[in-house]
Amino acid sequence: MIANLELLSPFPESEMMVYPVSEQVNSPANDNPAIIRPVCNLNINR
């Protein structure tokens, strides 16, 4: 049970990446892994 509690901790913000993706992600009809690829090389650091 204790090992499962580790899954409840937030993902470290320092490990996260933010980048723009296609607007196609807004529709569940689009079931293609390519829609989450970055649309440009912009890397937004927080």
PDB file of N, CA and C in Angstrom:
ATOM      1  N   MET A   1       0.822  -1.202   0.000  1.00  0.00           N
ATOM      2  CA  MET A   1       0.000   0.000   0.000  1.00  0.00           C
ATOM      3  C   MET A   1       0.864   1.264   0.000  1.00  0.00           C
ATOM      4  N   ILE A   2       1.982   1.251   0.723  1.00  0.00           N
ATOM      5  CA  ILE A   2       2.844   2.437   0.777  1.00  0.00           C
ATOM      6  C   ILE A   2       3.416   2.743  -0.608  1.00  0.00           C
ATOM      7  N   ALA A   3       3.775   1.738  -1.374  1.00  0.00           N
ATOM      8  CA  ALA A   3       4.298   1.964  -2.726  1.00  0.00           C
ATOM      9  C   ALA A   3       3.260   2.658  -3.592  1.00  0.00           C
ATOM     10  N   ASN A   4       1.992   2.358  -3.383  1.00  0.00           N
ATOM     11  CA  ASN A   4       0.937   3.005  -4.153  1.00  0.00           C
ATOM     12  C   ASN A   4       0.809   4.481  -3.817  1.00  0.00           C
ATOM     13  N   LEU A   5       1.141   4.869  -2.601  1.00  0.00           N
ATOM     14  CA  LEU A   5       1.067   6.270  -2.205  1.00  0.00           C
ATOM     15  C   LEU A   5       2.050   7.128  -2.985  1.00  0.00           C
ATOM     16  N   GLU A   6       3.155   6.552  -3.422  1.00  0.00           N
ATOM     17  CA  GLU A   6       4.125   7.295  -4.229  1.00  0.00           C
ATOM     18  C   GLU A   6       3.512   7.741  -5.543  1.00  0.00           C
ATOM     19  N   LEU A   7       2.552   6.991  -6.043  1.00  0.00           N
ATOM     20  CA  LEU A   7       1.888   7.354  -7.297  1.00  0.00           C
ATOM     21  C   LEU A   7       0.995   8.576  -7.136  1.00  0.00           C
ATOM     22  N   LEU A   8       0.628   8.921  -5.915  1.00  0.00           N
ATOM     23  CA  LEU A   8      -0.247  10.051  -5.665  1.00  0.00           C
ATOM     24  C   LEU A   8       0.494  11.375  -5.562  1.00  0.00           C
ATOM     25  N   SER A   9       1.806  11.342  -5.513  1.00  0.00           N
ATOM     26  CA  SER A   9       2.559  12.582  -5.421  1.00  0.00           C
ATOM     27  C   SER A   9       2.616  13.258  -6.790  1.00  0.00           C
ATOM     28  N   PRO A  10       2.617  14.590  -6.824  1.00  0.00           N
ATOM     29  CA  PRO A  10       2.645  15.310  -8.098  1.00  0.00           C
ATOM     30  C   PRO A  10       3.930  15.046  -8.878  1.00  0.00           C
ATOM     31  N   PHE A  11       3.818  15.068 -10.187  1.00  0.00           N
ATOM     32  CA  PHE A  11       4.989  14.948 -11.053  1.00  0.00           C
ATOM     33  C   PHE A  11       5.826  16.216 -10.878  1.00  0.00           C
ATOM     34  N   PRO A  12       7.141  16.104 -10.741  1.00  0.00           N
ATOM     35  CA  PRO A  12       7.974  17.292 -10.508  1.00  0.00           C
ATOM     36  C   PRO A  12       7.886  18.289 -11.668  1.00  0.00           C
ATOM     37  N   GLU A  13       7.619  19.525 -11.337  1.00  0.00           N
ATOM     38  CA  GLU A  13       7.505  20.566 -12.364  1.00  0.00           C
ATOM     39  C   GLU A  13       8.791  20.706 -13.171  1.00  0.00           C
ATOM     40  N   SER A  14       9.928  20.464 -12.548  1.00  0.00           N
ATOM     41  CA  SER A  14      11.209  20.577 -13.248  1.00  0.00           C
ATOM     42  C   SER A  14      11.351  19.537 -14.356  1.00  0.00           C
ATOM     43  N   GLU A  15      10.565  18.470 -14.300  1.00  0.00           N
ATOM     44  CA  GLU A  15      10.606  17.413 -15.311  1.00  0.00           C
ATOM     45  C   GLU A  15       9.594  17.645 -16.435  1.00  0.00           C
ATOM     46  N   MET A  16       8.694  18.615 -16.268  1.00  0.00           N
ATOM     47  CA  MET A  16       7.635  18.858 -17.251  1.00  0.00           C
ATOM     48  C   MET A  16       8.131  19.703 -18.411  1.00  0.00           C
ATOM     49  N   MET A  17       7.550  19.470 -19.569  1.00  0.00           N
ATOM     50  CA  MET A  17       7.810  20.290 -20.749  1.00  0.00           C
ATOM     51  C   MET A  17       6.490  20.871 -21.225  1.00  0.00           C
ATOM     52  N   VAL A  18       6.533  22.096 -21.709  1.00  0.00           N
ATOM     53  CA  VAL A  18       5.357  22.759 -22.243  1.00  0.00           C
ATOM     54  C   VAL A  18       5.658  23.129 -23.686  1.00  0.00           C
ATOM     55  N   TYR A  19       4.750  22.765 -24.593  1.00  0.00           N
ATOM     56  CA  TYR A  19       4.926  23.145 -25.987  1.00  0.00           C
ATOM     57  C   TYR A  19       3.568  23.141 -26.682  1.00  0.00           C
ATOM     58  N   PRO A  20       3.415  23.955 -27.727  1.00  0.00           N
ATOM     59  CA  PRO A  20       2.144  24.001 -28.441  1.00  0.00           C
ATOM     60  C   PRO A  20       1.929  22.724 -29.248  1.00  0.00           C
ATOM     61  N   VAL A  21       0.674  22.289 -29.306  1.00  0.00           N
ATOM     62  CA  VAL A  21       0.303  21.117 -30.096  1.00  0.00           C
ATOM     63  C   VAL A  21      -0.843  21.484 -31.028  1.00  0.00           C
ATOM     64  N   SER A  22      -1.145  20.600 -31.935  1.00  0.00           N
ATOM     65  CA  SER A  22      -2.216  20.821 -32.896  1.00  0.00           C
ATOM     66  C   SER A  22      -3.564  20.987 -32.193  1.00  0.00           C
ATOM     67  N   GLU A  23      -4.453  21.783 -32.771  1.00  0.00           N
ATOM     68  CA  GLU A  23      -5.802  21.932 -32.230  1.00  0.00           C
ATOM     69  C   GLU A  23      -6.617  20.643 -32.378  1.00  0.00           C
ATOM     70  N   GLN A  24      -6.096  19.687 -33.100  1.00  0.00           N
ATOM     71  CA  GLN A  24      -6.785  18.404 -33.264  1.00  0.00           C
ATOM     72  C   GLN A  24      -6.893  17.644 -31.944  1.00  0.00           C
ATOM     73  N   VAL A  25      -6.099  18.013 -30.951  1.00  0.00           N
ATOM     74  CA  VAL A  25      -6.183  17.332 -29.653  1.00  0.00           C
ATOM     75  C   VAL A  25      -7.510  17.601 -28.962  1.00  0.00           C
ATOM     76  N   ASN A  26      -8.257  18.587 -29.427  1.00  0.00           N
ATOM     77  CA  ASN A  26      -9.531  18.952 -28.799  1.00  0.00           C
ATOM     78  C   ASN A  26     -10.666  17.999 -29.148  1.00  0.00           C
ATOM     79  N   SER A  27     -10.457  17.078 -30.049  1.00  0.00           N
ATOM     80  CA  SER A  27     -11.527  16.175 -30.461  1.00  0.00           C
ATOM     81  C   SER A  27     -11.142  14.721 -30.188  1.00  0.00           C
ATOM     82  N   PRO A  28     -11.988  13.985 -29.471  1.00  0.00           N
ATOM     83  CA  PRO A  28     -11.695  12.570 -29.235  1.00  0.00           C
ATOM     84  C   PRO A  28     -11.777  11.728 -30.506  1.00  0.00           C
ATOM     85  N   ALA A  29     -12.328  12.301 -31.568  1.00  0.00           N
ATOM     86  CA  ALA A  29     -12.387  11.579 -32.840  1.00  0.00           C
ATOM     87  C   ALA A  29     -10.999  11.432 -33.463  1.00  0.00           C
ATOM     88  N   ASN A  30     -10.077  12.289 -33.076  1.00  0.00           N
ATOM     89  CA  ASN A  30      -8.711  12.234 -33.590  1.00  0.00           C
ATOM     90  C   ASN A  30      -7.883  11.323 -32.703  1.00  0.00           C
ATOM     91  N   ASP A  31      -7.742  10.089 -33.113  1.00  0.00           N
ATOM     92  CA  ASP A  31      -7.016   9.093 -32.328  1.00  0.00           C
ATOM     93  C   ASP A  31      -5.717   8.760 -33.053  1.00  0.00           C
ATOM     94  N   ASN A  32      -4.768   9.679 -32.962  1.00  0.00           N
ATOM     95  CA  ASN A  32      -3.521   9.541 -33.689  1.00  0.00           C
ATOM     96  C   ASN A  32      -2.406  10.117 -32.815  1.00  0.00           C
ATOM     97  N   PRO A  33      -1.369   9.359 -32.535  1.00  0.00           N
ATOM     98  CA  PRO A  33      -0.301   9.886 -31.669  1.00  0.00           C
ATOM     99  C   PRO A  33       0.420  11.097 -32.257  1.00  0.00           C
ATOM    100  N   ALA A  34       0.306  11.313 -33.551  1.00  0.00           N
ATOM    101  CA  ALA A  34       0.995  12.446 -34.180  1.00  0.00           C
ATOM    102  C   ALA A  34       0.427  13.791 -33.732  1.00  0.00           C
ATOM    103  N   ILE A  35      -0.805  13.822 -33.225  1.00  0.00           N
ATOM    104  CA  ILE A  35      -1.397  15.115 -32.868  1.00  0.00           C
ATOM    105  C   ILE A  35      -0.790  15.720 -31.606  1.00  0.00           C
ATOM    106  N   ILE A  36      -0.039  14.956 -30.839  1.00  0.00           N
ATOM    107  CA  ILE A  36       0.597  15.535 -29.651  1.00  0.00           C
ATOM    108  C   ILE A  36       2.054  15.924 -29.891  1.00  0.00           C
ATOM    109  N   ARG A  37       2.515  15.780 -31.112  1.00  0.00           N
ATOM    110  CA  ARG A  37       3.872  16.246 -31.441  1.00  0.00           C
ATOM    111  C   ARG A  37       3.896  17.766 -31.430  1.00  0.00           C
ATOM    112  N   PRO A  38       5.001  18.344 -31.018  1.00  0.00           N
ATOM    113  CA  PRO A  38       5.095  19.812 -31.048  1.00  0.00           C
ATOM    114  C   PRO A  38       4.886  20.339 -32.459  1.00  0.00           C
ATOM    115  N   VAL A  39       4.129  21.447 -32.582  1.00  0.00           N
ATOM    116  CA  VAL A  39       3.899  22.035 -33.903  1.00  0.00           C
ATOM    117  C   VAL A  39       5.045  22.943 -34.308  1.00  0.00           C
ATOM    118  N   CYS A  40       5.915  23.290 -33.350  1.00  0.00           N
ATOM    119  CA  CYS A  40       7.113  24.063 -33.667  1.00  0.00           C
ATOM    120  C   CYS A  40       8.155  23.767 -32.590  1.00  0.00           C
ATOM    121  N   ASN A  41       9.318  24.307 -32.732  1.00  0.00           N
ATOM    122  CA  ASN A  41      10.402  24.053 -31.779  1.00  0.00           C
ATOM    123  C   ASN A  41      10.394  25.005 -30.607  1.00  0.00           C
ATOM    124  N   LEU A  42       9.281  25.623 -30.332  1.00  0.00           N
ATOM    125  CA  LEU A  42       9.165  26.546 -29.218  1.00  0.00           C
ATOM    126  C   LEU A  42       9.155  25.774 -27.911  1.00  0.00           C
ATOM    127  N   ASN A  43      10.042  26.110 -27.002  1.00  0.00           N
ATOM    128  CA  ASN A  43      10.067  25.485 -25.685  1.00  0.00           C
ATOM    129  C   ASN A  43       9.809  26.583 -24.664  1.00  0.00           C
ATOM    130  N   ILE A  44       8.693  26.500 -23.988  1.00  0.00           N
ATOM    131  CA  ILE A  44       8.299  27.522 -23.019  1.00  0.00           C
ATOM    132  C   ILE A  44       8.750  27.070 -21.645  1.00  0.00           C
ATOM    133  N   ASN A  45       9.708  27.755 -21.075  1.00  0.00           N
ATOM    134  CA  ASN A  45      10.188  27.403 -19.729  1.00  0.00           C
ATOM    135  C   ASN A  45       9.413  28.206 -18.703  1.00  0.00           C
ATOM    136  N   ARG A  46       9.041  27.531 -17.625  1.00  0.00           N
ATOM    137  CA  ARG A  46       8.317  28.238 -16.565  1.00  0.00           C
ATOM    138  C   ARG A  46       9.244  28.654 -15.474  1.00  0.00           C
TER     139      ARG A  46
END
